[in-house]
Amino acid sequence: MNILITGGTGLIGKILVEKLKLKGHEVRVLTRKKTADPLEFYWNLKDQFINESAFKNLDAIIHLAGASISERWTDSYKKELFSSRIDTANLLKKYCIANNVHLKSFISASGINYYGTFTSDEILDENSGIVQPDFLANLCKDWENAAYNFADLSDRIVCLRTAVVLAKNSGAFPLLKKTVDFNIGSGVGTGNQWMNWIHIDDLVDLYIFALENSKIQGNFNAVADDLPSNQLFMKKLAKVCRKFFLPINVPAFVLKLAFGEMSSIILEGTRASNKKIKSQGFDFKHRNLEEAFTTLV
């Protein structure tokens, strides 16, 4: 299968590209740097340009591109969060139309904050809809809408609403581990907010599962079985690392002063169900949080 990937040099993309190659797929990567690699194709959102060779005999697109949400959300950065996800998807569609491309599948990243950023004991599934229409919920909604705009160009659309990705050398996990390594690991805010997470290996396998199974379509929560509170999450991490856990939580105002509006993704958290993707036959390798931690420390 000929697959075009955006965000192919990021946390998820790097591993996904290698696994897809091992499975015999031809993987093309869009890059903002011009290279000599015949399977890397230059694109530039500002100039509305993509090397059209990337679309020749194309079967699928996996859209992972998107600026990190773990930066302070200034007005200008909010525009970057939107543009890097939605405007890039729109550019892909423009080039698919221009090159008469009809895809077997268009698979897009999305966020578990689709439902809103708040704390509740309610277990949310893919039919819950947006409960609290805050910035991230609206961003995820527009992100998914950009994917579904491919409905006339693709046999099926898949959106994976992704939780915090646990990976050894990138993303949120190394930062969390660093606080524990310094024996200052603790909960934040109330500590009662839920921590949706997924191991990087499971997430990569989930993208491949969605790609290779034509019956998979629609929205799916990409979250593990074991959903702890923030305080329990940090306590288990300290236990696996054999470090002290501070019973006194970091006050919410400290996070708000440091990160502004972005602190909401740390201070709030809902519970999301993964029953829908499991009902389709996907088997998570890393279901237990402590076991997942042991593969990363």
Protein backbone atom coordinates (compact mmCIF):
# COMPACT_ATOMS: atom_id res chain seq x y z
CA MET A 1 0.00 0.00 0.00
CA ASN A 2 1.27 3.51 -0.82
CA ILE A 3 0.86 5.71 2.25
CA LEU A 4 1.50 9.43 2.70
CA ILE A 5 2.20 10.62 6.23
CA THR A 6 2.24 14.13 7.66
CA GLY A 7 4.07 14.58 10.95
CA GLY A 8 6.25 11.62 10.01
CA THR A 9 9.25 12.96 11.93
CA GLY A 10 7.34 13.48 15.18
CA LEU A 11 6.94 11.31 18.28
CA ILE A 12 4.37 8.96 16.75
CA GLY A 13 5.34 9.36 13.12
CA LYS A 14 8.94 8.16 13.40
CA ILE A 15 7.97 4.81 14.89
CA LEU A 16 4.92 4.43 12.67
CA VAL A 17 6.97 5.00 9.51
CA GLU A 18 9.46 2.29 10.47
CA LYS A 19 6.77 -0.24 11.42
CA LEU A 20 4.87 0.34 8.20
CA LYS A 21 8.04 -0.15 6.16
CA LEU A 22 8.71 -3.43 7.97
CA LYS A 23 5.23 -4.57 6.99
CA GLY A 24 6.02 -3.93 3.33
CA HIS A 25 4.19 -0.66 2.76
CA GLU A 26 5.66 2.19 0.73
CA VAL A 27 5.73 5.13 3.11
CA ARG A 28 6.02 8.69 1.83
CA VAL A 29 6.72 11.47 4.31
CA LEU A 30 5.93 15.14 3.88
CA THR A 31 8.74 17.29 5.23
CA ARG A 32 9.41 21.01 5.56
CA LYS A 33 13.06 20.39 4.63
CA LYS A 34 14.20 19.56 1.12
CA THR A 35 16.06 16.22 1.14
CA ALA A 36 17.51 13.76 -1.35
CA ASP A 37 15.42 10.88 -0.02
CA PRO A 38 13.08 9.77 -2.85
CA LEU A 39 10.31 9.00 -0.34
CA GLU A 40 10.46 12.40 1.40
CA PHE A 41 8.47 15.18 -0.26
CA TYR A 42 8.71 18.89 0.45
CA TRP A 43 5.66 20.85 1.50
CA ASN A 44 5.15 24.41 2.67
CA LEU A 45 1.84 25.47 4.18
CA LYS A 46 2.56 29.18 3.91
CA ASP A 47 3.20 28.88 0.18
CA GLN A 48 0.33 26.37 -0.22
CA PHE A 49 2.77 23.96 -1.85
CA ILE A 50 3.21 20.18 -1.84
CA ASN A 51 5.45 18.22 -4.20
CA GLU A 52 2.82 16.58 -6.39
CA SER A 53 4.91 13.42 -6.81
CA ALA A 54 3.77 12.45 -3.30
CA PHE A 55 0.27 11.81 -4.66
CA LYS A 56 1.14 9.39 -7.46
CA ASN A 57 -0.73 6.06 -7.07
CA LEU A 58 -1.58 7.02 -3.50
CA ASP A 59 -3.75 4.67 -1.40
CA ALA A 60 -3.94 6.33 2.03
CA ILE A 61 -3.05 9.42 4.03
CA ILE A 62 -2.24 9.41 7.74
CA HIS A 63 -2.47 12.98 9.03
CA LEU A 64 -0.41 13.41 12.20
CA ALA A 65 0.81 16.98 11.71
CA GLY A 66 0.07 19.43 14.51
CA ALA A 67 1.95 21.85 16.75
CA SER A 68 2.38 20.70 20.36
CA ILE A 69 -0.39 21.69 22.78
CA SER A 70 2.19 21.77 25.58
CA GLU A 71 3.20 25.37 24.90
CA ARG A 72 1.73 28.52 26.42
CA TRP A 73 -1.44 29.36 24.48
CA THR A 74 -0.90 32.91 23.34
CA ASP A 75 -3.33 34.21 20.73
CA SER A 76 -0.72 33.68 18.02
CA TYR A 77 0.06 30.14 19.21
CA LYS A 78 -3.62 29.23 19.23
CA LYS A 79 -3.67 30.16 15.54
CA GLU A 80 -0.64 27.91 15.01
CA LEU A 81 -2.38 25.02 16.77
CA PHE A 82 -5.31 25.44 14.39
CA SER A 83 -3.34 26.05 11.22
CA SER A 84 -0.93 23.15 11.73
CA ARG A 85 -3.86 20.74 11.93
CA ILE A 86 -6.78 22.10 9.92
CA ASP A 87 -5.10 24.22 7.26
CA THR A 88 -2.68 21.38 6.49
CA ALA A 89 -5.60 18.97 6.05
CA ASN A 90 -7.29 21.44 3.71
CA LEU A 91 -4.07 21.73 1.70
CA LEU A 92 -3.90 17.95 1.37
CA LYS A 93 -7.45 17.90 0.05
CA LYS A 94 -6.65 20.64 -2.45
CA TYR A 95 -3.81 18.56 -3.87
CA CYS A 96 -5.82 15.33 -3.87
CA ILE A 97 -8.46 17.06 -6.00
CA ALA A 98 -5.87 18.58 -8.32
CA ASN A 99 -4.23 15.18 -8.84
CA ASN A 100 -7.47 13.18 -9.16
CA VAL A 101 -6.64 11.09 -6.09
CA HIS A 102 -9.23 8.80 -4.55
CA LEU A 103 -8.04 7.24 -1.30
CA LYS A 104 -8.86 3.94 0.31
CA SER A 105 -8.54 5.63 3.69
CA PHE A 106 -7.85 8.97 5.35
CA ILE A 107 -6.74 8.54 8.96
CA SER A 108 -6.33 11.56 11.20
CA ALA A 109 -5.09 12.21 14.69
CA SER A 110 -7.46 13.95 17.08
CA GLY A 111 -7.46 14.58 20.82
CA ILE A 112 -9.22 13.05 23.79
CA ASN A 113 -10.03 16.63 24.79
CA TYR A 114 -12.68 16.54 22.05
CA TYR A 115 -15.26 16.22 24.85
CA GLY A 116 -13.97 19.27 26.69
CA THR A 117 -11.39 19.84 29.40
CA PHE A 118 -13.09 19.27 32.73
CA THR A 119 -13.16 16.78 35.59
CA SER A 120 -16.06 14.38 35.96
CA ASP A 121 -16.63 10.76 36.97
CA GLU A 122 -18.78 10.25 33.87
CA ILE A 123 -17.26 7.74 31.43
CA LEU A 124 -17.32 9.29 27.98
CA ASP A 125 -17.57 7.32 24.76
CA GLU A 126 -17.54 8.32 21.10
CA ASN A 127 -21.27 9.14 21.19
CA SER A 128 -20.98 11.58 24.10
CA GLY A 129 -20.41 14.62 21.91
CA ILE A 130 -18.80 17.83 23.13
CA VAL A 131 -19.75 18.25 26.78
CA GLN A 132 -17.85 21.47 27.42
CA PRO A 133 -17.10 23.57 24.31
CA ASP A 134 -13.76 25.05 25.36
CA PHE A 135 -10.74 25.85 23.19
CA LEU A 136 -9.41 22.30 22.88
CA ALA A 137 -12.84 20.82 22.26
CA ASN A 138 -13.42 23.26 19.41
CA LEU A 139 -9.93 22.61 18.05
CA CYS A 140 -10.57 18.85 18.00
CA LYS A 141 -13.99 19.36 16.42
CA ASP A 142 -12.51 21.43 13.59
CA TRP A 143 -9.66 18.93 13.26
CA GLU A 144 -12.09 16.06 12.77
CA ASN A 145 -14.31 18.10 10.47
CA ALA A 146 -11.28 18.70 8.26
CA ALA A 147 -10.80 14.93 8.09
CA TYR A 148 -14.44 14.28 7.22
CA ASN A 149 -14.14 16.81 4.40
CA PHE A 150 -12.35 13.95 2.61
CA ALA A 151 -15.59 11.94 2.51
CA ASP A 152 -15.93 12.48 -1.24
CA LEU A 153 -12.26 11.59 -1.82
CA SER A 154 -11.84 8.56 0.42
CA ASP A 155 -13.62 5.25 0.97
CA ARG A 156 -13.46 5.76 4.72
CA ILE A 157 -12.37 8.23 7.41
CA VAL A 158 -10.88 7.36 10.81
CA CYS A 159 -10.16 9.82 13.64
CA LEU A 160 -8.19 8.62 16.68
CA ARG A 161 -8.91 10.72 19.78
CA THR A 162 -5.56 10.37 21.46
CA ALA A 163 -4.78 10.52 25.17
CA VAL A 164 -1.42 11.44 26.75
CA VAL A 165 1.16 9.34 24.92
CA LEU A 166 3.67 7.54 27.14
CA ALA A 167 7.00 7.31 25.30
CA LYS A 168 10.50 6.98 26.70
CA ASN A 169 12.38 9.83 25.08
CA SER A 170 9.77 12.35 23.97
CA GLY A 171 6.42 13.84 24.83
CA ALA A 172 5.06 14.31 28.34
CA PHE A 173 6.55 11.24 30.02
CA PRO A 174 10.22 12.37 30.28
CA LEU A 175 9.07 15.61 31.94
CA LEU A 176 6.90 13.75 34.45
CA LYS A 177 9.68 11.30 35.17
CA LYS A 178 12.17 14.11 35.76
CA THR A 179 10.12 15.47 38.67
CA VAL A 180 9.99 11.98 40.16
CA ASP A 181 13.74 11.45 39.66
CA PHE A 182 14.34 14.60 41.72
CA ASN A 183 12.09 13.16 44.45
CA ILE A 184 9.56 15.95 43.94
CA GLY A 185 6.87 13.88 42.25
CA SER A 186 3.36 14.75 43.43
CA GLY A 187 -0.17 15.29 42.23
CA VAL A 188 -1.22 18.67 40.88
CA GLY A 189 -4.26 20.73 41.78
CA THR A 190 -6.81 18.52 43.49
CA GLY A 191 -5.08 15.40 42.14
CA ASN A 192 -8.55 13.99 41.45
CA GLN A 193 -8.58 14.75 37.72
CA TRP A 194 -8.45 11.68 35.49
CA MET A 195 -5.35 10.83 33.44
CA ASN A 196 -6.19 9.28 30.10
CA TRP A 197 -3.03 7.71 28.64
CA ILE A 198 -1.83 5.32 25.95
CA HIS A 199 1.53 3.62 25.45
CA ILE A 200 3.34 4.68 22.27
CA ASP A 201 3.54 1.06 21.05
CA ASP A 202 -0.22 0.63 21.33
CA LEU A 203 -0.90 3.92 19.59
CA VAL A 204 1.35 3.06 16.64
CA ASP A 205 -0.25 -0.38 16.39
CA LEU A 206 -3.66 1.28 16.51
CA TYR A 207 -2.84 3.41 13.47
CA ILE A 208 -1.69 0.31 11.60
CA PHE A 209 -4.82 -1.56 12.70
CA ALA A 210 -7.00 1.28 11.42
CA LEU A 211 -5.08 1.39 8.15
CA GLU A 212 -5.17 -2.32 7.39
CA ASN A 213 -8.76 -3.08 8.44
CA SER A 214 -11.26 -1.71 5.96
CA LYS A 215 -14.16 -2.18 8.39
CA ILE A 216 -12.69 0.44 10.73
CA GLN A 217 -14.23 3.86 10.23
CA GLY A 218 -15.37 6.77 12.35
CA ASN A 219 -14.12 8.13 15.67
CA PHE A 220 -12.29 6.06 18.28
CA ASN A 221 -10.89 6.87 21.71
CA ALA A 222 -7.20 5.96 21.81
CA VAL A 223 -6.87 5.34 25.54
CA ALA A 224 -5.67 2.46 27.71
CA ASP A 225 -7.84 0.41 30.08
CA ASP A 226 -6.31 1.62 33.35
CA LEU A 227 -7.49 5.19 34.03
CA PRO A 228 -6.02 6.59 37.26
CA SER A 229 -6.43 9.94 38.92
CA ASN A 230 -3.56 12.36 38.51
CA GLN A 231 -2.39 11.69 42.07
CA LEU A 232 -2.45 7.91 41.60
CA PHE A 233 -0.69 8.26 38.23
CA MET A 234 2.21 10.14 39.82
CA LYS A 235 2.26 7.83 42.85
CA LYS A 236 2.59 4.75 40.63
CA LEU A 237 5.33 6.42 38.61
CA ALA A 238 7.27 7.17 41.78
CA LYS A 239 6.82 3.57 42.91
CA VAL A 240 8.15 2.11 39.64
CA CYS A 241 11.10 4.55 39.73
CA ARG A 242 11.70 3.74 43.42
CA LYS A 243 11.52 7.39 44.35
CA PHE A 244 9.70 9.39 46.99
CA PHE A 245 6.19 10.62 46.38
CA LEU A 246 5.21 13.90 48.01
CA PRO A 247 1.73 13.74 49.55
CA ILE A 248 1.31 17.51 49.14
CA ASN A 249 -0.03 18.47 45.73
CA VAL A 250 1.31 21.31 43.62
CA PRO A 251 -1.29 24.11 44.00
CA ALA A 252 -3.37 24.89 40.92
CA PHE A 253 -2.42 28.58 40.96
CA VAL A 254 1.26 27.66 40.46
CA LEU A 255 0.40 25.84 37.21
CA LYS A 256 -1.86 28.68 36.09
CA LEU A 257 0.88 31.25 36.66
CA ALA A 258 3.43 29.12 34.81
CA PHE A 259 1.34 27.94 31.86
CA GLY A 260 -1.73 30.16 31.67
CA GLU A 261 -4.76 28.66 29.93
CA MET A 262 -2.75 25.60 28.86
CA SER A 263 -2.64 24.49 32.52
CA SER A 264 -6.24 23.27 32.10
CA ILE A 265 -5.00 20.10 30.37
CA ILE A 266 -2.98 19.30 33.52
CA LEU A 267 -5.51 20.41 36.13
CA GLU A 268 -8.61 18.83 34.56
CA GLY A 269 -9.37 15.41 33.13
CA THR A 270 -12.32 13.24 32.16
CA ARG A 271 -12.65 9.46 31.84
CA ALA A 272 -12.82 8.03 28.32
CA SER A 273 -13.84 4.53 27.28
CA ASN A 274 -11.93 2.37 24.79
CA LYS A 275 -14.68 -0.22 24.40
CA LYS A 276 -15.51 0.80 20.83
CA ILE A 277 -12.05 0.11 19.37
CA LYS A 278 -11.73 -3.10 21.41
CA SER A 279 -15.08 -4.26 20.03
CA GLN A 280 -13.49 -4.01 16.57
CA GLY A 281 -10.81 -6.50 17.57
CA PHE A 282 -7.94 -4.27 18.68
CA ASP A 283 -5.97 -5.71 21.59
CA PHE A 284 -4.00 -3.35 23.81
CA LYS A 285 -0.60 -4.69 24.85
CA HIS A 286 -0.22 -2.19 27.68
CA ARG A 287 -3.38 -2.14 29.77
CA ASN A 288 -1.89 -1.68 33.22
CA LEU A 289 -0.24 1.63 34.10
CA GLU A 290 2.55 0.23 36.29
CA GLU A 291 3.45 -2.33 33.64
CA ALA A 292 3.54 0.44 31.02
CA PHE A 293 5.87 2.49 33.22
CA THR A 294 8.29 -0.42 33.59
CA THR A 295 8.85 -0.45 29.80
CA LEU A 296 9.86 3.21 29.88
CA VAL A 297 11.97 3.81 32.99
